[in-house]
Amino acid sequence: MTIRVTEHSVLAGHFAATAASEGPILILQDTTEFIYSRAQPGKIGFTKTIHAGRYKAGQPNVLTLCGVQMHSSLAVTLTGTPSV
């Protein structure tokens, strides 16, 4: 059996609960990058390459970073209570 999950179906309950709250709602946000190393990064988990200075012999040290970026949000009232 295949179940299709949409952004709307995941967020519908959150939107309804936030709309039912009285007063202003603050949305606290944070972006976090989880970085890990891989022997062969390929295209799985590749996020970017960075220039990390130079080796003692003068060659540029270019690193390939792998990982996941997460952008999370928390809806709270003005008193800091999470919006249900």
PDB file of N, CA and C in Angstrom:
ATOM      1  N   MET A   1       0.844  -1.171   0.000  1.00  0.00           N
ATOM      2  CA  MET A   1       0.000   0.000   0.000  1.00  0.00           C
ATOM      3  C   MET A   1       0.896   1.243   0.000  1.00  0.00           C
ATOM      4  N   THR A   2       0.556   2.199  -0.838  1.00  0.00           N
ATOM      5  CA  THR A   2       1.293   3.454  -0.918  1.00  0.00           C
ATOM      6  C   THR A   2       0.464   4.563  -0.289  1.00  0.00           C
ATOM      7  N   ILE A   3       1.086   5.302   0.612  1.00  0.00           N
ATOM      8  CA  ILE A   3       0.418   6.445   1.242  1.00  0.00           C
ATOM      9  C   ILE A   3       1.166   7.698   0.817  1.00  0.00           C
ATOM     10  N   ARG A   4       0.446   8.625   0.237  1.00  0.00           N
ATOM     11  CA  ARG A   4       1.067   9.881  -0.192  1.00  0.00           C
ATOM     12  C   ARG A   4       0.944  10.900   0.935  1.00  0.00           C
ATOM     13  N   VAL A   5       2.060  11.458   1.324  1.00  0.00           N
ATOM     14  CA  VAL A   5       2.089  12.475   2.370  1.00  0.00           C
ATOM     15  C   VAL A   5       2.416  13.800   1.715  1.00  0.00           C
ATOM     16  N   THR A   6       1.609  14.789   2.007  1.00  0.00           N
ATOM     17  CA  THR A   6       1.838  16.116   1.443  1.00  0.00           C
ATOM     18  C   THR A   6       2.193  17.091   2.559  1.00  0.00           C
ATOM     19  N   GLU A   7       2.806  18.192   2.165  1.00  0.00           N
ATOM     20  CA  GLU A   7       3.119  19.240   3.139  1.00  0.00           C
ATOM     21  C   GLU A   7       1.831  19.719   3.818  1.00  0.00           C
ATOM     22  N   HIS A   8       0.775  19.872   3.050  1.00  0.00           N
ATOM     23  CA  HIS A   8      -0.495  20.339   3.601  1.00  0.00           C
ATOM     24  C   HIS A   8      -1.030  19.394   4.671  1.00  0.00           C
ATOM     25  N   SER A   9      -0.984  18.093   4.415  1.00  0.00           N
ATOM     26  CA  SER A   9      -1.529  17.146   5.402  1.00  0.00           C
ATOM     27  C   SER A   9      -0.689  17.117   6.677  1.00  0.00           C
ATOM     28  N   VAL A  10       0.621  17.303   6.553  1.00  0.00           N
ATOM     29  CA  VAL A  10       1.475  17.310   7.740  1.00  0.00           C
ATOM     30  C   VAL A  10       1.226  18.565   8.576  1.00  0.00           C
ATOM     31  N   LEU A  11       1.049  19.707   7.917  1.00  0.00           N
ATOM     32  CA  LEU A  11       0.943  20.989   8.622  1.00  0.00           C
ATOM     33  C   LEU A  11      -0.479  21.403   8.979  1.00  0.00           C
ATOM     34  N   ALA A  12      -1.494  20.724   8.468  1.00  0.00           N
ATOM     35  CA  ALA A  12      -2.886  21.139   8.683  1.00  0.00           C
ATOM     36  C   ALA A  12      -3.239  21.291  10.157  1.00  0.00           C
ATOM     37  N   GLY A  13      -2.872  20.340  10.988  1.00  0.00           N
ATOM     38  CA  GLY A  13      -3.171  20.417  12.423  1.00  0.00           C
ATOM     39  C   GLY A  13      -2.467  21.574  13.100  1.00  0.00           C
ATOM     40  N   HIS A  14      -1.228  21.849  12.696  1.00  0.00           N
ATOM     41  CA  HIS A  14      -0.473  22.964  13.271  1.00  0.00           C
ATOM     42  C   HIS A  14      -1.114  24.295  12.896  1.00  0.00           C
ATOM     43  N   PHE A  15      -1.529  24.420  11.629  1.00  0.00           N
ATOM     44  CA  PHE A  15      -2.181  25.652  11.188  1.00  0.00           C
ATOM     45  C   PHE A  15      -3.493  25.877  11.944  1.00  0.00           C
ATOM     46  N   ALA A  16      -4.280  24.828  12.110  1.00  0.00           N
ATOM     47  CA  ALA A  16      -5.564  24.943  12.813  1.00  0.00           C
ATOM     48  C   ALA A  16      -5.355  25.345  14.269  1.00  0.00           C
ATOM     49  N   ALA A  17      -4.384  24.725  14.947  1.00  0.00           N
ATOM     50  CA  ALA A  17      -4.132  25.047  16.356  1.00  0.00           C
ATOM     51  C   ALA A  17      -3.625  26.473  16.521  1.00  0.00           C
ATOM     52  N   THR A  18      -2.771  26.914  15.620  1.00  0.00           N
ATOM     53  CA  THR A  18      -2.245  28.274  15.699  1.00  0.00           C
ATOM     54  C   THR A  18      -3.344  29.297  15.419  1.00  0.00           C
ATOM     55  N   ALA A  19      -4.219  29.017  14.469  1.00  0.00           N
ATOM     56  CA  ALA A  19      -5.319  29.935  14.153  1.00  0.00           C
ATOM     57  C   ALA A  19      -6.292  30.041  15.313  1.00  0.00           C
ATOM     58  N   ALA A  20      -6.434  28.983  16.109  1.00  0.00           N
ATOM     59  CA  ALA A  20      -7.378  28.987  17.229  1.00  0.00           C
ATOM     60  C   ALA A  20      -6.824  29.711  18.450  1.00  0.00           C
ATOM     61  N   SER A  21      -5.526  30.005  18.473  1.00  0.00           N
ATOM     62  CA  SER A  21      -4.915  30.678  19.624  1.00  0.00           C
ATOM     63  C   SER A  21      -5.343  32.134  19.675  1.00  0.00           C
ATOM     64  N   GLU A  22      -5.462  32.640  20.902  1.00  0.00           N
ATOM     65  CA  GLU A  22      -5.819  34.050  21.067  1.00  0.00           C
ATOM     66  C   GLU A  22      -4.550  34.877  21.191  1.00  0.00           C
ATOM     67  N   GLY A  23      -4.512  36.020  20.563  1.00  0.00           N
ATOM     68  CA  GLY A  23      -3.368  36.919  20.665  1.00  0.00           C
ATOM     69  C   GLY A  23      -2.252  36.562  19.698  1.00  0.00           C
ATOM     70  N   PRO A  24      -1.191  37.344  19.772  1.00  0.00           N
ATOM     71  CA  PRO A  24      -0.063  37.135  18.857  1.00  0.00           C
ATOM     72  C   PRO A  24       0.646  35.793  19.105  1.00  0.00           C
ATOM     73  N   ILE A  25       1.183  35.246  18.050  1.00  0.00           N
ATOM     74  CA  ILE A  25       1.987  34.029  18.117  1.00  0.00           C
ATOM     75  C   ILE A  25       3.369  34.376  17.568  1.00  0.00           C
ATOM     76  N   LEU A  26       4.406  34.043  18.316  1.00  0.00           N
ATOM     77  CA  LEU A  26       5.778  34.257  17.864  1.00  0.00           C
ATOM     78  C   LEU A  26       6.287  32.960  17.240  1.00  0.00           C
ATOM     79  N   ILE A  27       6.987  33.075  16.135  1.00  0.00           N
ATOM     80  CA  ILE A  27       7.580  31.914  15.483  1.00  0.00           C
ATOM     81  C   ILE A  27       9.090  32.015  15.669  1.00  0.00           C
ATOM     82  N   LEU A  28       9.635  31.161  16.530  1.00  0.00           N
ATOM     83  CA  LEU A  28      11.069  31.129  16.793  1.00  0.00           C
ATOM     84  C   LEU A  28      11.706  30.163  15.800  1.00  0.00           C
ATOM     85  N   GLN A  29      12.765  30.604  15.131  1.00  0.00           N
ATOM     86  CA  GLN A  29      13.357  29.800  14.057  1.00  0.00           C
ATOM     87  C   GLN A  29      14.851  29.591  14.280  1.00  0.00           C
ATOM     88  N   ASP A  30      15.341  28.489  13.766  1.00  0.00           N
ATOM     89  CA  ASP A  30      16.760  28.196  13.842  1.00  0.00           C
ATOM     90  C   ASP A  30      17.148  27.323  12.661  1.00  0.00           C
ATOM     91  N   THR A  31      18.300  27.579  12.094  1.00  0.00           N
ATOM     92  CA  THR A  31      18.831  26.716  11.050  1.00  0.00           C
ATOM     93  C   THR A  31      20.089  26.058  11.598  1.00  0.00           C
ATOM     94  N   THR A  32      20.151  24.754  11.504  1.00  0.00           N
ATOM     95  CA  THR A  32      21.281  23.978  11.998  1.00  0.00           C
ATOM     96  C   THR A  32      21.834  23.146  10.861  1.00  0.00           C
ATOM     97  N   GLU A  33      23.143  23.057  10.794  1.00  0.00           N
ATOM     98  CA  GLU A  33      23.774  22.238   9.773  1.00  0.00           C
ATOM     99  C   GLU A  33      24.496  21.086  10.466  1.00  0.00           C
ATOM    100  N   PHE A  34      24.113  19.872  10.138  1.00  0.00           N
ATOM    101  CA  PHE A  34      24.771  18.682  10.649  1.00  0.00           C
ATOM    102  C   PHE A  34      25.819  18.276   9.611  1.00  0.00           C
ATOM    103  N   ILE A  35      27.075  18.299   9.994  1.00  0.00           N
ATOM    104  CA  ILE A  35      28.150  17.998   9.059  1.00  0.00           C
ATOM    105  C   ILE A  35      28.842  16.708   9.474  1.00  0.00           C
ATOM    106  N   TYR A  36      29.112  15.864   8.511  1.00  0.00           N
ATOM    107  CA  TYR A  36      29.831  14.628   8.778  1.00  0.00           C
ATOM    108  C   TYR A  36      30.801  14.373   7.632  1.00  0.00           C
ATOM    109  N   SER A  37      31.774  13.521   7.878  1.00  0.00           N
ATOM    110  CA  SER A  37      32.748  13.234   6.825  1.00  0.00           C
ATOM    111  C   SER A  37      32.481  11.859   6.235  1.00  0.00           C
ATOM    112  N   ARG A  38      32.832  11.723   4.985  1.00  0.00           N
ATOM    113  CA  ARG A  38      32.677  10.459   4.265  1.00  0.00           C
ATOM    114  C   ARG A  38      33.947  10.209   3.472  1.00  0.00           C
ATOM    115  N   ALA A  39      34.322   8.948   3.359  1.00  0.00           N
ATOM    116  CA  ALA A  39      35.509   8.607   2.580  1.00  0.00           C
ATOM    117  C   ALA A  39      35.303   8.960   1.107  1.00  0.00           C
ATOM    118  N   GLN A  40      34.102   8.707   0.592  1.00  0.00           N
ATOM    119  CA  GLN A  40      33.773   9.031  -0.798  1.00  0.00           C
ATOM    120  C   GLN A  40      32.447   9.796  -0.808  1.00  0.00           C
ATOM    121  N   PRO A  41      32.503  11.123  -0.709  1.00  0.00           N
ATOM    122  CA  PRO A  41      31.271  11.903  -0.564  1.00  0.00           C
ATOM    123  C   PRO A  41      30.295  11.775  -1.718  1.00  0.00           C
ATOM    124  N   GLY A  42      30.789  11.658  -2.960  1.00  0.00           N
ATOM    125  CA  GLY A  42      29.874  11.563  -4.093  1.00  0.00           C
ATOM    126  C   GLY A  42      28.825  12.662  -4.041  1.00  0.00           C
ATOM    127  N   LYS A  43      27.617  12.319  -4.381  1.00  0.00           N
ATOM    128  CA  LYS A  43      26.531  13.300  -4.366  1.00  0.00           C
ATOM    129  C   LYS A  43      25.561  13.056  -3.225  1.00  0.00           C
ATOM    130  N   ILE A  44      25.792  12.039  -2.407  1.00  0.00           N
ATOM    131  CA  ILE A  44      24.879  11.748  -1.301  1.00  0.00           C
ATOM    132  C   ILE A  44      25.287  12.576  -0.099  1.00  0.00           C
ATOM    133  N   GLY A  45      24.449  13.472   0.305  1.00  0.00           N
ATOM    134  CA  GLY A  45      24.722  14.306   1.464  1.00  0.00           C
ATOM    135  C   GLY A  45      25.651  15.468   1.201  1.00  0.00           C
ATOM    136  N   PHE A  46      26.069  15.668  -0.053  1.00  0.00           N
ATOM    137  CA  PHE A  46      26.967  16.769  -0.387  1.00  0.00           C
ATOM    138  C   PHE A  46      26.279  18.094  -0.118  1.00  0.00           C
ATOM    139  N   THR A  47      26.923  18.977   0.643  1.00  0.00           N
ATOM    140  CA  THR A  47      26.349  20.301   0.872  1.00  0.00           C
ATOM    141  C   THR A  47      27.158  21.397   0.190  1.00  0.00           C
ATOM    142  N   LYS A  48      28.503  21.344   0.314  1.00  0.00           N
ATOM    143  CA  LYS A  48      29.314  22.392  -0.311  1.00  0.00           C
ATOM    144  C   LYS A  48      30.791  22.042  -0.184  1.00  0.00           C
ATOM    145  N   THR A  49      31.620  22.775  -0.901  1.00  0.00           N
ATOM    146  CA  THR A  49      33.066  22.680  -0.725  1.00  0.00           C
ATOM    147  C   THR A  49      33.537  23.995  -0.116  1.00  0.00           C
ATOM    148  N   ILE A  50      34.571  23.901   0.712  1.00  0.00           N
ATOM    149  CA  ILE A  50      35.108  25.110   1.344  1.00  0.00           C
ATOM    150  C   ILE A  50      36.618  25.142   1.153  1.00  0.00           C
ATOM    151  N   HIS A  51      37.168  26.328   1.147  1.00  0.00           N
ATOM    152  CA  HIS A  51      38.611  26.513   1.086  1.00  0.00           C
ATOM    153  C   HIS A  51      39.099  26.651   2.526  1.00  0.00           C
ATOM    154  N   ALA A  52      39.878  25.668   2.979  1.00  0.00           N
ATOM    155  CA  ALA A  52      40.322  25.625   4.371  1.00  0.00           C
ATOM    156  C   ALA A  52      41.804  25.987   4.477  1.00  0.00           C
ATOM    157  N   GLY A  53      42.188  27.072   3.851  1.00  0.00           N
ATOM    158  CA  GLY A  53      43.574  27.514   3.920  1.00  0.00           C
ATOM    159  C   GLY A  53      44.462  26.752   2.959  1.00  0.00           C
ATOM    160  N   ARG A  54      45.729  26.593   3.363  1.00  0.00           N
ATOM    161  CA  ARG A  54      46.705  25.913   2.516  1.00  0.00           C
ATOM    162  C   ARG A  54      47.500  24.914   3.346  1.00  0.00           C
ATOM    163  N   TYR A  55      47.949  23.861   2.676  1.00  0.00           N
ATOM    164  CA  TYR A  55      48.864  22.916   3.306  1.00  0.00           C
ATOM    165  C   TYR A  55      50.223  23.595   3.462  1.00  0.00           C
ATOM    166  N   LYS A  56      51.124  22.997   4.262  1.00  0.00           N
ATOM    167  CA  LYS A  56      52.456  23.580   4.469  1.00  0.00           C
ATOM    168  C   LYS A  56      53.216  23.756   3.150  1.00  0.00           C
ATOM    169  N   ALA A  57      52.998  22.862   2.199  1.00  0.00           N
ATOM    170  CA  ALA A  57      53.688  22.954   0.912  1.00  0.00           C
ATOM    171  C   ALA A  57      53.087  24.033   0.008  1.00  0.00           C
ATOM    172  N   GLY A  58      51.997  24.647   0.429  1.00  0.00           N
ATOM    173  CA  GLY A  58      51.409  25.743  -0.331  1.00  0.00           C
ATOM    174  C   GLY A  58      50.186  25.394  -1.155  1.00  0.00           C
ATOM    175  N   GLN A  59      49.880  24.090  -1.316  1.00  0.00           N
ATOM    176  CA  GLN A  59      48.702  23.721  -2.105  1.00  0.00           C
ATOM    177  C   GLN A  59      47.429  24.099  -1.339  1.00  0.00           C
ATOM    178  N   PRO A  60      46.391  24.497  -2.073  1.00  0.00           N
ATOM    179  CA  PRO A  60      45.125  24.822  -1.405  1.00  0.00           C
ATOM    180  C   PRO A  60      44.495  23.573  -0.785  1.00  0.00           C
ATOM    181  N   ASN A  61      43.899  23.749   0.373  1.00  0.00           N
ATOM    182  CA  ASN A  61      43.208  22.664   1.072  1.00  0.00           C
ATOM    183  C   ASN A  61      41.708  22.864   0.860  1.00  0.00           C
ATOM    184  N   VAL A  62      41.134  22.125  -0.076  1.00  0.00           N
ATOM    185  CA  VAL A  62      39.703  22.226  -0.374  1.00  0.00           C
ATOM    186  C   VAL A  62      39.007  21.019   0.245  1.00  0.00           C
ATOM    187  N   LEU A  63      38.021  21.277   1.087  1.00  0.00           N
ATOM    188  CA  LEU A  63      37.290  20.209   1.761  1.00  0.00           C
ATOM    189  C   LEU A  63      35.886  20.075   1.194  1.00  0.00           C
ATOM    190  N   THR A  64      35.434  18.847   1.042  1.00  0.00           N
ATOM    191  CA  THR A  64      34.058  18.578   0.631  1.00  0.00           C
ATOM    192  C   THR A  64      33.261  18.269   1.886  1.00  0.00           C
ATOM    193  N   LEU A  65      32.189  19.017   2.113  1.00  0.00           N
ATOM    194  CA  LEU A  65      31.359  18.807   3.288  1.00  0.00           C
ATOM    195  C   LEU A  65      30.101  18.039   2.922  1.00  0.00           C
ATOM    196  N   CYS A  66      29.738  17.105   3.764  1.00  0.00           N
ATOM    197  CA  CYS A  66      28.501  16.349   3.610  1.00  0.00           C
ATOM    198  C   CYS A  66      27.656  16.606   4.845  1.00  0.00           C
ATOM    199  N   GLY A  67      26.365  16.513   4.695  1.00  0.00           N
ATOM    200  CA  GLY A  67      25.517  16.715   5.853  1.00  0.00           C
ATOM    201  C   GLY A  67      24.083  16.986   5.480  1.00  0.00           C
ATOM    202  N   VAL A  68      23.376  17.526   6.445  1.00  0.00           N
ATOM    203  CA  VAL A  68      21.954  17.831   6.304  1.00  0.00           C
ATOM    204  C   VAL A  68      21.707  19.183   6.938  1.00  0.00           C
ATOM    205  N   GLN A  69      20.898  19.998   6.293  1.00  0.00           N
ATOM    206  CA  GLN A  69      20.498  21.255   6.908  1.00  0.00           C
ATOM    207  C   GLN A  69      19.073  21.118   7.426  1.00  0.00           C
ATOM    208  N   MET A  70      18.859  21.571   8.654  1.00  0.00           N
ATOM    209  CA  MET A  70      17.530  21.508   9.263  1.00  0.00           C
ATOM    210  C   MET A  70      17.103  22.928   9.623  1.00  0.00           C
ATOM    211  N   HIS A  71      15.923  23.304   9.199  1.00  0.00           N
ATOM    212  CA  HIS A  71      15.360  24.600   9.569  1.00  0.00           C
ATOM    213  C   HIS A  71      14.127  24.312  10.404  1.00  0.00           C
ATOM    214  N   SER A  72      14.217  24.592  11.694  1.00  0.00           N
ATOM    215  CA  SER A  72      13.104  24.283  12.595  1.00  0.00           C
ATOM    216  C   SER A  72      12.441  25.567  13.072  1.00  0.00           C
ATOM    217  N   SER A  73      11.165  25.449  13.409  1.00  0.00           N
ATOM    218  CA  SER A  73      10.391  26.579  13.923  1.00  0.00           C
ATOM    219  C   SER A  73       9.559  26.119  15.102  1.00  0.00           C
ATOM    220  N   LEU A  74       9.363  27.004  16.054  1.00  0.00           N
ATOM    221  CA  LEU A  74       8.529  26.724  17.221  1.00  0.00           C
ATOM    222  C   LEU A  74       7.572  27.889  17.399  1.00  0.00           C
ATOM    223  N   ALA A  75       6.281  27.632  17.415  1.00  0.00           N
ATOM    224  CA  ALA A  75       5.269  28.666  17.614  1.00  0.00           C
ATOM    225  C   ALA A  75       4.975  28.780  19.109  1.00  0.00           C
ATOM    226  N   VAL A  76       5.110  29.981  19.667  1.00  0.00           N
ATOM    227  CA  VAL A  76       4.852  30.202  21.093  1.00  0.00           C
ATOM    228  C   VAL A  76       3.995  31.459  21.277  1.00  0.00           C
ATOM    229  N   THR A  77       3.328  31.520  22.420  1.00  0.00           N
ATOM    230  CA  THR A  77       2.570  32.718  22.776  1.00  0.00           C
ATOM    231  C   THR A  77       3.542  33.754  23.332  1.00  0.00           C
ATOM    232  N   LEU A  78       3.064  34.944  23.627  1.00  0.00           N
ATOM    233  CA  LEU A  78       3.919  35.989  24.197  1.00  0.00           C
ATOM    234  C   LEU A  78       4.464  35.613  25.564  1.00  0.00           C
ATOM    235  N   THR A  79       3.808  34.694  26.282  1.00  0.00           N
ATOM    236  CA  THR A  79       4.314  34.251  27.578  1.00  0.00           C
ATOM    237  C   THR A  79       5.296  33.086  27.457  1.00  0.00           C
ATOM    238  N   GLY A  80       5.528  32.619  26.228  1.00  0.00           N
ATOM    239  CA  GLY A  80       6.482  31.540  26.001  1.00  0.00           C
ATOM    240  C   GLY A  80       5.877  30.154  25.990  1.00  0.00           C
ATOM    241  N   THR A  81       4.553  30.057  26.113  1.00  0.00           N
ATOM    242  CA  THR A  81       3.893  28.758  26.063  1.00  0.00           C
ATOM    243  C   THR A  81       3.811  28.286  24.620  1.00  0.00           C
ATOM    244  N   PRO A  82       4.245  27.044  24.335  1.00  0.00           N
ATOM    245  CA  PRO A  82       4.140  26.548  22.961  1.00  0.00           C
ATOM    246  C   PRO A  82       2.699  26.558  22.481  1.00  0.00           C
ATOM    247  N   SER A  83       2.487  26.957  21.244  1.00  0.00           N
ATOM    248  CA  SER A  83       1.166  26.906  20.635  1.00  0.00           C
ATOM    249  C   SER A  83       0.909  25.478  20.244  1.00  0.00           C
ATOM    250  N   VAL A  84      -0.205  24.932  20.661  1.00  0.00           N
ATOM    251  CA  VAL A  84      -0.480  23.517  20.453  1.00  0.00           C
ATOM    252  C   VAL A  84      -0.897  23.204  19.051  1.00  0.00           C
TER     253      VAL A  84
END
